[in-house]
Amino acid sequence: MKFVIENASCFGAGCHNDEMNPLDLQIDAELRTRLTTHVSENCGNLPIVNPGKPEESALIKILKGPCGETPRMPLECVNDEDAKCVPPDYIEALSQWIADGALE
């Protein structure tokens, strides 16, 4: 799953490796813990990743977005054809990873 996450456009100044953003997506030994324990208040208090339940995982909802007050991510993604959007096959891979228990 590391490949999928690293290739998404969710990193860089002002994104998920920035102290201003409440969800740290830096690739390190604690990433899975952060994904499975962080809750998105703006997306209905859903966990970012709810192991075994992609339909109850804010990550999937936000990538397909919007979800509640959270716009579709990454921010520059407006519709499925945009180059800035996470490709559908990546979202499907993430969904399958979550459905399989979000194992490391």
PDB file of N, CA and C in Angstrom:
ATOM      1  N   MET A   1       0.815  -1.184   0.000  1.00  0.00           N
ATOM      2  CA  MET A   1       0.000   0.000   0.000  1.00  0.00           C
ATOM      3  C   MET A   1       0.868   1.261   0.000  1.00  0.00           C
ATOM      4  N   LYS A   2       2.100   1.121   0.401  1.00  0.00           N
ATOM      5  CA  LYS A   2       3.008   2.261   0.429  1.00  0.00           C
ATOM      6  C   LYS A   2       3.099   2.920  -0.944  1.00  0.00           C
ATOM      7  N   PHE A   3       3.164   2.123  -2.005  1.00  0.00           N
ATOM      8  CA  PHE A   3       3.263   2.665  -3.359  1.00  0.00           C
ATOM      9  C   PHE A   3       2.071   3.559  -3.678  1.00  0.00           C
ATOM     10  N   VAL A   4       0.875   3.098  -3.369  1.00  0.00           N
ATOM     11  CA  VAL A   4      -0.337   3.861  -3.665  1.00  0.00           C
ATOM     12  C   VAL A   4      -0.316   5.193  -2.936  1.00  0.00           C
ATOM     13  N   ILE A   5      -0.017   5.183  -1.654  1.00  0.00           N
ATOM     14  CA  ILE A   5      -0.031   6.407  -0.865  1.00  0.00           C
ATOM     15  C   ILE A   5       1.061   7.364  -1.312  1.00  0.00           C
ATOM     16  N   GLU A   6       2.247   6.866  -1.554  1.00  0.00           N
ATOM     17  CA  GLU A   6       3.345   7.741  -1.960  1.00  0.00           C
ATOM     18  C   GLU A   6       3.097   8.401  -3.306  1.00  0.00           C
ATOM     19  N   ASN A   7       2.336   7.766  -4.169  1.00  0.00           N
ATOM     20  CA  ASN A   7       2.112   8.325  -5.490  1.00  0.00           C
ATOM     21  C   ASN A   7       0.900   9.237  -5.557  1.00  0.00           C
ATOM     22  N   ALA A   8       0.142   9.337  -4.490  1.00  0.00           N
ATOM     23  CA  ALA A   8      -0.956  10.293  -4.450  1.00  0.00           C
ATOM     24  C   ALA A   8      -0.361  11.683  -4.233  1.00  0.00           C
ATOM     25  N   SER A   9      -1.080  12.700  -4.644  1.00  0.00           N
ATOM     26  CA  SER A   9      -0.544  14.063  -4.522  1.00  0.00           C
ATOM     27  C   SER A   9      -0.963  14.694  -3.191  1.00  0.00           C
ATOM     28  N   CYS A  10      -0.710  14.000  -2.102  1.00  0.00           N
ATOM     29  CA  CYS A  10      -1.139  14.447  -0.775  1.00  0.00           C
ATOM     30  C   CYS A  10       0.025  14.945   0.074  1.00  0.00           C
ATOM     31  N   PHE A  11       1.149  15.194  -0.539  1.00  0.00           N
ATOM     32  CA  PHE A  11       2.332  15.598   0.203  1.00  0.00           C
ATOM     33  C   PHE A  11       2.826  16.942  -0.309  1.00  0.00           C
ATOM     34  N   GLY A  12       3.620  17.602   0.482  1.00  0.00           N
ATOM     35  CA  GLY A  12       4.177  18.889   0.097  1.00  0.00           C
ATOM     36  C   GLY A  12       3.680  19.991   1.004  1.00  0.00           C
ATOM     37  N   ALA A  13       4.243  21.141   0.858  1.00  0.00           N
ATOM     38  CA  ALA A  13       3.900  22.270   1.719  1.00  0.00           C
ATOM     39  C   ALA A  13       2.394  22.509   1.716  1.00  0.00           C
ATOM     40  N   GLY A  14       1.831  22.634   2.884  1.00  0.00           N
ATOM     41  CA  GLY A  14       0.409  22.909   3.020  1.00  0.00           C
ATOM     42  C   GLY A  14      -0.470  21.683   2.926  1.00  0.00           C
ATOM     43  N   CYS A  15       0.115  20.518   2.793  1.00  0.00           N
ATOM     44  CA  CYS A  15      -0.687  19.305   2.707  1.00  0.00           C
ATOM     45  C   CYS A  15      -0.456  18.442   3.939  1.00  0.00           C
ATOM     46  N   HIS A  16      -0.394  17.158   3.759  1.00  0.00           N
ATOM     47  CA  HIS A  16      -0.384  16.246   4.902  1.00  0.00           C
ATOM     48  C   HIS A  16       0.984  15.909   5.475  1.00  0.00           C
ATOM     49  N   ASN A  17       1.957  16.735   5.227  1.00  0.00           N
ATOM     50  CA  ASN A  17       3.234  16.622   5.930  1.00  0.00           C
ATOM     51  C   ASN A  17       3.562  17.963   6.572  1.00  0.00           C
ATOM     52  N   ASP A  18       2.528  18.747   6.757  1.00  0.00           N
ATOM     53  CA  ASP A  18       2.649  20.108   7.263  1.00  0.00           C
ATOM     54  C   ASP A  18       2.023  20.178   8.656  1.00  0.00           C
ATOM     55  N   GLU A  19       2.644  20.890   9.568  1.00  0.00           N
ATOM     56  CA  GLU A  19       2.130  20.981  10.931  1.00  0.00           C
ATOM     57  C   GLU A  19       0.744  21.608  10.997  1.00  0.00           C
ATOM     58  N   MET A  20       0.329  22.333   9.977  1.00  0.00           N
ATOM     59  CA  MET A  20      -0.976  22.981   9.973  1.00  0.00           C
ATOM     60  C   MET A  20      -2.118  22.001   9.701  1.00  0.00           C
ATOM     61  N   ASN A  21      -1.817  20.837   9.148  1.00  0.00           N
ATOM     62  CA  ASN A  21      -2.851  19.876   8.820  1.00  0.00           C
ATOM     63  C   ASN A  21      -2.966  18.843   9.928  1.00  0.00           C
ATOM     64  N   PRO A  22      -4.185  18.572  10.408  1.00  0.00           N
ATOM     65  CA  PRO A  22      -4.338  17.635  11.523  1.00  0.00           C
ATOM     66  C   PRO A  22      -4.046  16.175  11.181  1.00  0.00           C
ATOM     67  N   LEU A  23      -4.007  15.817   9.920  1.00  0.00           N
ATOM     68  CA  LEU A  23      -3.720  14.433   9.537  1.00  0.00           C
ATOM     69  C   LEU A  23      -2.350  14.357   8.880  1.00  0.00           C
ATOM     70  N   ASP A  24      -1.420  13.755   9.572  1.00  0.00           N
ATOM     71  CA  ASP A  24      -0.049  13.585   9.094  1.00  0.00           C
ATOM     72  C   ASP A  24       0.016  12.303   8.269  1.00  0.00           C
ATOM     73  N   LEU A  25       0.324  12.419   6.978  1.00  0.00           N
ATOM     74  CA  LEU A  25       0.435  11.255   6.093  1.00  0.00           C
ATOM     75  C   LEU A  25       1.878  10.923   5.743  1.00  0.00           C
ATOM     76  N   GLN A  26       2.815  11.393   6.549  1.00  0.00           N
ATOM     77  CA  GLN A  26       4.211  11.056   6.280  1.00  0.00           C
ATOM     78  C   GLN A  26       4.390   9.542   6.336  1.00  0.00           C
ATOM     79  N   ILE A  27       5.153   9.026   5.394  1.00  0.00           N
ATOM     80  CA  ILE A  27       5.425   7.591   5.339  1.00  0.00           C
ATOM     81  C   ILE A  27       6.467   7.264   6.399  1.00  0.00           C
ATOM     82  N   ASP A  28       6.020   6.621   7.458  1.00  0.00           N
ATOM     83  CA  ASP A  28       6.914   6.176   8.520  1.00  0.00           C
ATOM     84  C   ASP A  28       6.247   5.015   9.254  1.00  0.00           C
ATOM     85  N   ALA A  29       6.870   4.537  10.297  1.00  0.00           N
ATOM     86  CA  ALA A  29       6.376   3.365  11.026  1.00  0.00           C
ATOM     87  C   ALA A  29       5.037   3.616  11.719  1.00  0.00           C
ATOM     88  N   GLU A  30       4.670   4.865  11.906  1.00  0.00           N
ATOM     89  CA  GLU A  30       3.434   5.192  12.611  1.00  0.00           C
ATOM     90  C   GLU A  30       2.259   5.525  11.689  1.00  0.00           C
ATOM     91  N   LEU A  31       2.451   5.479  10.380  1.00  0.00           N
ATOM     92  CA  LEU A  31       1.398   5.877   9.453  1.00  0.00           C
ATOM     93  C   LEU A  31       0.113   5.078   9.653  1.00  0.00           C
ATOM     94  N   ARG A  32       0.211   3.762   9.707  1.00  0.00           N
ATOM     95  CA  ARG A  32      -1.004   2.946   9.868  1.00  0.00           C
ATOM     96  C   ARG A  32      -1.733   3.313  11.150  1.00  0.00           C
ATOM     97  N   THR A  33      -1.001   3.522  12.227  1.00  0.00           N
ATOM     98  CA  THR A  33      -1.632   3.893  13.500  1.00  0.00           C
ATOM     99  C   THR A  33      -2.370   5.219  13.349  1.00  0.00           C
ATOM    100  N   ARG A  34      -1.731   6.198  12.709  1.00  0.00           N
ATOM    101  CA  ARG A  34      -2.400   7.487  12.516  1.00  0.00           C
ATOM    102  C   ARG A  34      -3.651   7.330  11.661  1.00  0.00           C
ATOM    103  N   LEU A  35      -3.577   6.525  10.616  1.00  0.00           N
ATOM    104  CA  LEU A  35      -4.726   6.337   9.732  1.00  0.00           C
ATOM    105  C   LEU A  35      -5.892   5.657  10.440  1.00  0.00           C
ATOM    106  N   THR A  36      -5.596   4.736  11.333  1.00  0.00           N
ATOM    107  CA  THR A  36      -6.661   3.976  11.984  1.00  0.00           C
ATOM    108  C   THR A  36      -7.142   4.593  13.290  1.00  0.00           C
ATOM    109  N   THR A  37      -6.474   5.624  13.770  1.00  0.00           N
ATOM    110  CA  THR A  37      -6.911   6.250  15.021  1.00  0.00           C
ATOM    111  C   THR A  37      -7.419   7.672  14.836  1.00  0.00           C
ATOM    112  N   HIS A  38      -7.047   8.321  13.745  1.00  0.00           N
ATOM    113  CA  HIS A  38      -7.490   9.698  13.500  1.00  0.00           C
ATOM    114  C   HIS A  38      -8.934   9.675  13.004  1.00  0.00           C
ATOM    115  N   VAL A  39      -9.745  10.578  13.518  1.00  0.00           N
ATOM    116  CA  VAL A  39     -11.151  10.690  13.132  1.00  0.00           C
ATOM    117  C   VAL A  39     -11.344  12.002  12.385  1.00  0.00           C
ATOM    118  N   SER A  40     -12.079  11.938  11.299  1.00  0.00           N
ATOM    119  CA  SER A  40     -12.408  13.143  10.538  1.00  0.00           C
ATOM    120  C   SER A  40     -13.720  13.705  11.059  1.00  0.00           C
ATOM    121  N   GLU A  41     -13.628  14.757  11.853  1.00  0.00           N
ATOM    122  CA  GLU A  41     -14.830  15.391  12.388  1.00  0.00           C
ATOM    123  C   GLU A  41     -15.688  15.966  11.270  1.00  0.00           C
ATOM    124  N   ASN A  42     -15.042  16.532  10.250  1.00  0.00           N
ATOM    125  CA  ASN A  42     -15.780  17.148   9.144  1.00  0.00           C
ATOM    126  C   ASN A  42     -16.427  16.135   8.212  1.00  0.00           C
ATOM    127  N   CYS A  43     -16.092  14.877   8.366  1.00  0.00           N
ATOM    128  CA  CYS A  43     -16.645  13.814   7.517  1.00  0.00           C
ATOM    129  C   CYS A  43     -17.473  12.868   8.383  1.00  0.00           C
ATOM    130  N   GLY A  44     -18.282  13.433   9.255  1.00  0.00           N
ATOM    131  CA  GLY A  44     -19.204  12.633  10.058  1.00  0.00           C
ATOM    132  C   GLY A  44     -18.561  11.835  11.166  1.00  0.00           C
ATOM    133  N   ASN A  45     -17.423  12.297  11.682  1.00  0.00           N
ATOM    134  CA  ASN A  45     -16.708  11.597  12.757  1.00  0.00           C
ATOM    135  C   ASN A  45     -16.313  10.177  12.378  1.00  0.00           C
ATOM    136  N   LEU A  46     -16.018   9.988  11.109  1.00  0.00           N
ATOM    137  CA  LEU A  46     -15.557   8.675  10.646  1.00  0.00           C
ATOM    138  C   LEU A  46     -14.055   8.561  10.866  1.00  0.00           C
ATOM    139  N   PRO A  47     -13.580   7.347  11.199  1.00  0.00           N
ATOM    140  CA  PRO A  47     -12.129   7.150  11.238  1.00  0.00           C
ATOM    141  C   PRO A  47     -11.597   7.295   9.815  1.00  0.00           C
ATOM    142  N   ILE A  48     -10.368   7.745   9.692  1.00  0.00           N
ATOM    143  CA  ILE A  48      -9.779   7.859   8.358  1.00  0.00           C
ATOM    144  C   ILE A  48      -9.782   6.491   7.696  1.00  0.00           C
ATOM    145  N   VAL A  49      -9.324   5.485   8.420  1.00  0.00           N
ATOM    146  CA  VAL A  49      -9.360   4.101   7.947  1.00  0.00           C
ATOM    147  C   VAL A  49     -10.025   3.261   9.024  1.00  0.00           C
ATOM    148  N   ASN A  50     -11.113   2.615   8.668  1.00  0.00           N
ATOM    149  CA  ASN A  50     -11.828   1.708   9.559  1.00  0.00           C
ATOM    150  C   ASN A  50     -11.564   0.297   9.030  1.00  0.00           C
ATOM    151  N   PRO A  51     -10.553  -0.404   9.579  1.00  0.00           N
ATOM    152  CA  PRO A  51     -10.159  -1.708   9.039  1.00  0.00           C
ATOM    153  C   PRO A  51     -11.350  -2.649   8.824  1.00  0.00           C
ATOM    154  N   GLY A  52     -11.417  -3.187   7.611  1.00  0.00           N
ATOM    155  CA  GLY A  52     -12.489  -4.099   7.248  1.00  0.00           C
ATOM    156  C   GLY A  52     -13.723  -3.398   6.706  1.00  0.00           C
ATOM    157  N   LYS A  53     -13.762  -2.055   6.779  1.00  0.00           N
ATOM    158  CA  LYS A  53     -14.964  -1.320   6.389  1.00  0.00           C
ATOM    159  C   LYS A  53     -14.639  -0.087   5.530  1.00  0.00           C
ATOM    160  N   PRO A  54     -14.318  -0.300   4.272  1.00  0.00           N
ATOM    161  CA  PRO A  54     -13.994   0.858   3.428  1.00  0.00           C
ATOM    162  C   PRO A  54     -15.159   1.844   3.307  1.00  0.00           C
ATOM    163  N   GLU A  55     -16.394   1.349   3.348  1.00  0.00           N
ATOM    164  CA  GLU A  55     -17.556   2.227   3.232  1.00  0.00           C
ATOM    165  C   GLU A  55     -17.736   3.112   4.466  1.00  0.00           C
ATOM    166  N   GLU A  56     -17.052   2.768   5.560  1.00  0.00           N
ATOM    167  CA  GLU A  56     -17.083   3.561   6.789  1.00  0.00           C
ATOM    168  C   GLU A  56     -15.716   4.186   7.074  1.00  0.00           C
ATOM    169  N   SER A  57     -14.948   4.411   6.023  1.00  0.00           N
ATOM    170  CA  SER A  57     -13.614   5.011   6.133  1.00  0.00           C
ATOM    171  C   SER A  57     -13.618   6.366   5.444  1.00  0.00           C
ATOM    172  N   ALA A  58     -13.287   7.416   6.208  1.00  0.00           N
ATOM    173  CA  ALA A  58     -13.276   8.772   5.661  1.00  0.00           C
ATOM    174  C   ALA A  58     -12.332   8.891   4.470  1.00  0.00           C
ATOM    175  N   LEU A  59     -11.222   8.173   4.480  1.00  0.00           N
ATOM    176  CA  LEU A  59     -10.260   8.260   3.386  1.00  0.00           C
ATOM    177  C   LEU A  59     -10.928   8.000   2.039  1.00  0.00           C
ATOM    178  N   ILE A  60     -11.708   6.954   1.950  1.00  0.00           N
ATOM    179  CA  ILE A  60     -12.368   6.598   0.691  1.00  0.00           C
ATOM    180  C   ILE A  60     -13.412   7.642   0.325  1.00  0.00           C
ATOM    181  N   LYS A  61     -14.205   8.047   1.297  1.00  0.00           N
ATOM    182  CA  LYS A  61     -15.241   9.049   1.039  1.00  0.00           C
ATOM    183  C   LYS A  61     -14.636  10.375   0.584  1.00  0.00           C
ATOM    184  N   ILE A  62     -13.539  10.783   1.203  1.00  0.00           N
ATOM    185  CA  ILE A  62     -12.898  12.056   0.869  1.00  0.00           C
ATOM    186  C   ILE A  62     -12.236  11.991  -0.508  1.00  0.00           C
ATOM    187  N   LEU A  63     -11.653  10.852  -0.859  1.00  0.00           N
ATOM    188  CA  LEU A  63     -11.031  10.727  -2.182  1.00  0.00           C
ATOM    189  C   LEU A  63     -12.078  10.738  -3.294  1.00  0.00           C
ATOM    190  N   LYS A  64     -13.274  10.259  -2.990  1.00  0.00           N
ATOM    191  CA  LYS A  64     -14.363  10.289  -3.964  1.00  0.00           C
ATOM    192  C   LYS A  64     -15.138  11.589  -3.839  1.00  0.00           C
ATOM    193  N   GLY A  65     -15.116  12.187  -2.660  1.00  0.00           N
ATOM    194  CA  GLY A  65     -15.644  13.413  -2.128  1.00  0.00           C
ATOM    195  C   GLY A  65     -16.749  14.126  -2.865  1.00  0.00           C
ATOM    196  N   PRO A  66     -17.146  15.192  -2.220  1.00  0.00           N
ATOM    197  CA  PRO A  66     -16.750  15.640  -0.879  1.00  0.00           C
ATOM    198  C   PRO A  66     -17.417  14.781   0.188  1.00  0.00           C
ATOM    199  N   CYS A  67     -16.989  14.978   1.425  1.00  0.00           N
ATOM    200  CA  CYS A  67     -17.575  14.242   2.554  1.00  0.00           C
ATOM    201  C   CYS A  67     -17.872  15.247   3.655  1.00  0.00           C
ATOM    202  N   GLY A  68     -19.127  15.534   3.865  1.00  0.00           N
ATOM    203  CA  GLY A  68     -19.502  16.532   4.858  1.00  0.00           C
ATOM    204  C   GLY A  68     -18.870  17.865   4.491  1.00  0.00           C
ATOM    205  N   GLU A  69     -18.167  18.457   5.438  1.00  0.00           N
ATOM    206  CA  GLU A  69     -17.505  19.749   5.220  1.00  0.00           C
ATOM    207  C   GLU A  69     -16.135  19.607   4.569  1.00  0.00           C
ATOM    208  N   THR A  70     -15.667  18.378   4.401  1.00  0.00           N
ATOM    209  CA  THR A  70     -14.360  18.155   3.792  1.00  0.00           C
ATOM    210  C   THR A  70     -14.520  18.057   2.279  1.00  0.00           C
ATOM    211  N   PRO A  71     -13.819  18.915   1.535  1.00  0.00           N
ATOM    212  CA  PRO A  71     -13.920  18.836   0.078  1.00  0.00           C
ATOM    213  C   PRO A  71     -13.235  17.577  -0.441  1.00  0.00           C
ATOM    214  N   ARG A  72     -13.489  17.271  -1.677  1.00  0.00           N
ATOM    215  CA  ARG A  72     -12.802  16.149  -2.309  1.00  0.00           C
ATOM    216  C   ARG A  72     -11.306  16.413  -2.283  1.00  0.00           C
ATOM    217  N   MET A  73     -10.558  15.388  -1.978  1.00  0.00           N
ATOM    218  CA  MET A  73      -9.107  15.505  -1.917  1.00  0.00           C
ATOM    219  C   MET A  73      -8.493  14.716  -3.068  1.00  0.00           C
ATOM    220  N   PRO A  74      -7.294  15.126  -3.459  1.00  0.00           N
ATOM    221  CA  PRO A  74      -6.537  16.314  -3.089  1.00  0.00           C
ATOM    222  C   PRO A  74      -7.288  17.573  -3.505  1.00  0.00           C
ATOM    223  N   LEU A  75      -6.950  18.687  -2.886  1.00  0.00           N
ATOM    224  CA  LEU A  75      -7.689  19.932  -3.069  1.00  0.00           C
ATOM    225  C   LEU A  75      -7.855  20.356  -4.517  1.00  0.00           C
ATOM    226  N   GLU A  76      -6.898  20.095  -5.355  1.00  0.00           N
ATOM    227  CA  GLU A  76      -6.988  20.528  -6.744  1.00  0.00           C
ATOM    228  C   GLU A  76      -7.795  19.577  -7.617  1.00  0.00           C
ATOM    229  N   CYS A  77      -8.340  18.531  -7.037  1.00  0.00           N
ATOM    230  CA  CYS A  77      -9.165  17.566  -7.766  1.00  0.00           C
ATOM    231  C   CYS A  77     -10.602  18.076  -7.800  1.00  0.00           C
ATOM    232  N   VAL A  78     -11.116  18.276  -9.007  1.00  0.00           N
ATOM    233  CA  VAL A  78     -12.488  18.753  -9.154  1.00  0.00           C
ATOM    234  C   VAL A  78     -13.379  17.653  -9.723  1.00  0.00           C
ATOM    235  N   ASN A  79     -12.907  16.979 -10.760  1.00  0.00           N
ATOM    236  CA  ASN A  79     -13.681  15.870 -11.317  1.00  0.00           C
ATOM    237  C   ASN A  79     -12.736  14.729 -11.685  1.00  0.00           C
ATOM    238  N   ASP A  80     -13.292  13.583 -11.960  1.00  0.00           N
ATOM    239  CA  ASP A  80     -12.492  12.370 -12.174  1.00  0.00           C
ATOM    240  C   ASP A  80     -11.436  12.495 -13.259  1.00  0.00           C
ATOM    241  N   GLU A  81     -11.620  13.378 -14.219  1.00  0.00           N
ATOM    242  CA  GLU A  81     -10.677  13.509 -15.325  1.00  0.00           C
ATOM    243  C   GLU A  81      -9.459  14.356 -14.968  1.00  0.00           C
ATOM    244  N   ASP A  82      -9.508  15.061 -13.837  1.00  0.00           N
ATOM    245  CA  ASP A  82      -8.389  15.925 -13.452  1.00  0.00           C
ATOM    246  C   ASP A  82      -7.147  15.103 -13.129  1.00  0.00           C
ATOM    247  N   ALA A  83      -6.017  15.564 -13.624  1.00  0.00           N
ATOM    248  CA  ALA A  83      -4.747  14.881 -13.375  1.00  0.00           C
ATOM    249  C   ALA A  83      -4.382  14.895 -11.895  1.00  0.00           C
ATOM    250  N   LYS A  84      -4.899  15.854 -11.141  1.00  0.00           N
ATOM    251  CA  LYS A  84      -4.583  15.959  -9.712  1.00  0.00           C
ATOM    252  C   LYS A  84      -5.370  14.966  -8.864  1.00  0.00           C
ATOM    253  N   CYS A  85      -6.393  14.352  -9.411  1.00  0.00           N
ATOM    254  CA  CYS A  85      -7.216  13.394  -8.650  1.00  0.00           C
ATOM    255  C   CYS A  85      -6.469  12.079  -8.457  1.00  0.00           C
ATOM    256  N   VAL A  86      -6.769  11.405  -7.376  1.00  0.00           N
ATOM    257  CA  VAL A  86      -6.249  10.056  -7.163  1.00  0.00           C
ATOM    258  C   VAL A  86      -7.006   9.157  -8.143  1.00  0.00           C
ATOM    259  N   PRO A  87      -6.292   8.420  -8.979  1.00  0.00           N
ATOM    260  CA  PRO A  87      -6.952   7.583  -9.987  1.00  0.00           C
ATOM    261  C   PRO A  87      -7.890   6.553  -9.347  1.00  0.00           C
ATOM    262  N   PRO A  88      -8.986   6.247 -10.034  1.00  0.00           N
ATOM    263  CA  PRO A  88      -9.952   5.277  -9.499  1.00  0.00           C
ATOM    264  C   PRO A  88      -9.328   3.932  -9.115  1.00  0.00           C
ATOM    265  N   ASP A  89      -8.322   3.466  -9.876  1.00  0.00           N
ATOM    266  CA  ASP A  89      -7.710   2.181  -9.536  1.00  0.00           C
ATOM    267  C   ASP A  89      -6.927   2.281  -8.218  1.00  0.00           C
ATOM    268  N   TYR A  90      -6.367   3.434  -7.899  1.00  0.00           N
ATOM    269  CA  TYR A  90      -5.704   3.637  -6.601  1.00  0.00           C
ATOM    270  C   TYR A  90      -6.733   3.618  -5.481  1.00  0.00           C
ATOM    271  N   ILE A  91      -7.870   4.304  -5.720  1.00  0.00           N
ATOM    272  CA  ILE A  91      -8.930   4.317  -4.704  1.00  0.00           C
ATOM    273  C   ILE A  91      -9.446   2.903  -4.486  1.00  0.00           C
ATOM    274  N   GLU A  92      -9.587   2.145  -5.558  1.00  0.00           N
ATOM    275  CA  GLU A  92     -10.038   0.752  -5.428  1.00  0.00           C
ATOM    276  C   GLU A  92      -9.016  -0.075  -4.661  1.00  0.00           C
ATOM    277  N   ALA A  93      -7.722   0.140  -4.929  1.00  0.00           N
ATOM    278  CA  ALA A  93      -6.674  -0.580  -4.192  1.00  0.00           C
ATOM    279  C   ALA A  93      -6.717  -0.225  -2.706  1.00  0.00           C
ATOM    280  N   LEU A  94      -6.915   1.055  -2.396  1.00  0.00           N
ATOM    281  CA  LEU A  94      -7.049   1.466  -1.000  1.00  0.00           C
ATOM    282  C   LEU A  94      -8.278   0.836  -0.362  1.00  0.00           C
ATOM    283  N   SER A  95      -9.389   0.817  -1.088  1.00  0.00           N
ATOM    284  CA  SER A  95     -10.619   0.190  -0.576  1.00  0.00           C
ATOM    285  C   SER A  95     -10.396  -1.283  -0.278  1.00  0.00           C
ATOM    286  N   GLN A  96      -9.704  -1.962  -1.188  1.00  0.00           N
ATOM    287  CA  GLN A  96      -9.436  -3.390  -0.975  1.00  0.00           C
ATOM    288  C   GLN A  96      -8.514  -3.604   0.213  1.00  0.00           C
ATOM    289  N   TRP A  97      -7.495  -2.755   0.360  1.00  0.00           N
ATOM    290  CA  TRP A  97      -6.581  -2.837   1.503  1.00  0.00           C
ATOM    291  C   TRP A  97      -7.356  -2.666   2.806  1.00  0.00           C
ATOM    292  N   ILE A  98      -8.252  -1.689   2.836  1.00  0.00           N
ATOM    293  CA  ILE A  98      -9.068  -1.472   4.033  1.00  0.00           C
ATOM    294  C   ILE A  98      -9.985  -2.672   4.261  1.00  0.00           C
ATOM    295  N   ALA A  99     -10.648  -3.169   3.193  1.00  0.00           N
ATOM    296  CA  ALA A  99     -11.534  -4.330   3.310  1.00  0.00           C
ATOM    297  C   ALA A  99     -10.787  -5.548   3.832  1.00  0.00           C
ATOM    298  N   ASP A 100      -9.519  -5.671   3.473  1.00  0.00           N
ATOM    299  CA  ASP A 100      -8.685  -6.792   3.931  1.00  0.00           C
ATOM    300  C   ASP A 100      -8.126  -6.585   5.335  1.00  0.00           C
ATOM    301  N   GLY A 101      -8.525  -5.516   5.992  1.00  0.00           N
ATOM    302  CA  GLY A 101      -8.105  -5.292   7.375  1.00  0.00           C
ATOM    303  C   GLY A 101      -7.050  -4.234   7.554  1.00  0.00           C
ATOM    304  N   ALA A 102      -6.673  -3.544   6.483  1.00  0.00           N
ATOM    305  CA  ALA A 102      -5.667  -2.469   6.545  1.00  0.00           C
ATOM    306  C   ALA A 102      -4.385  -2.940   7.219  1.00  0.00           C
ATOM    307  N   LEU A 103      -3.929  -4.105   6.790  1.00  0.00           N
ATOM    308  CA  LEU A 103      -2.714  -4.667   7.384  1.00  0.00           C
ATOM    309  C   LEU A 103      -1.489  -3.917   6.908  1.00  0.00           C
ATOM    310  N   GLU A 104      -0.427  -3.977   7.694  1.00  0.00           N
ATOM    311  CA  GLU A 104       0.807  -3.275   7.350  1.00  0.00           C
ATOM    312  C   GLU A 104       1.501  -3.915   6.180  1.00  0.00           C
TER     313      GLU A 104
END
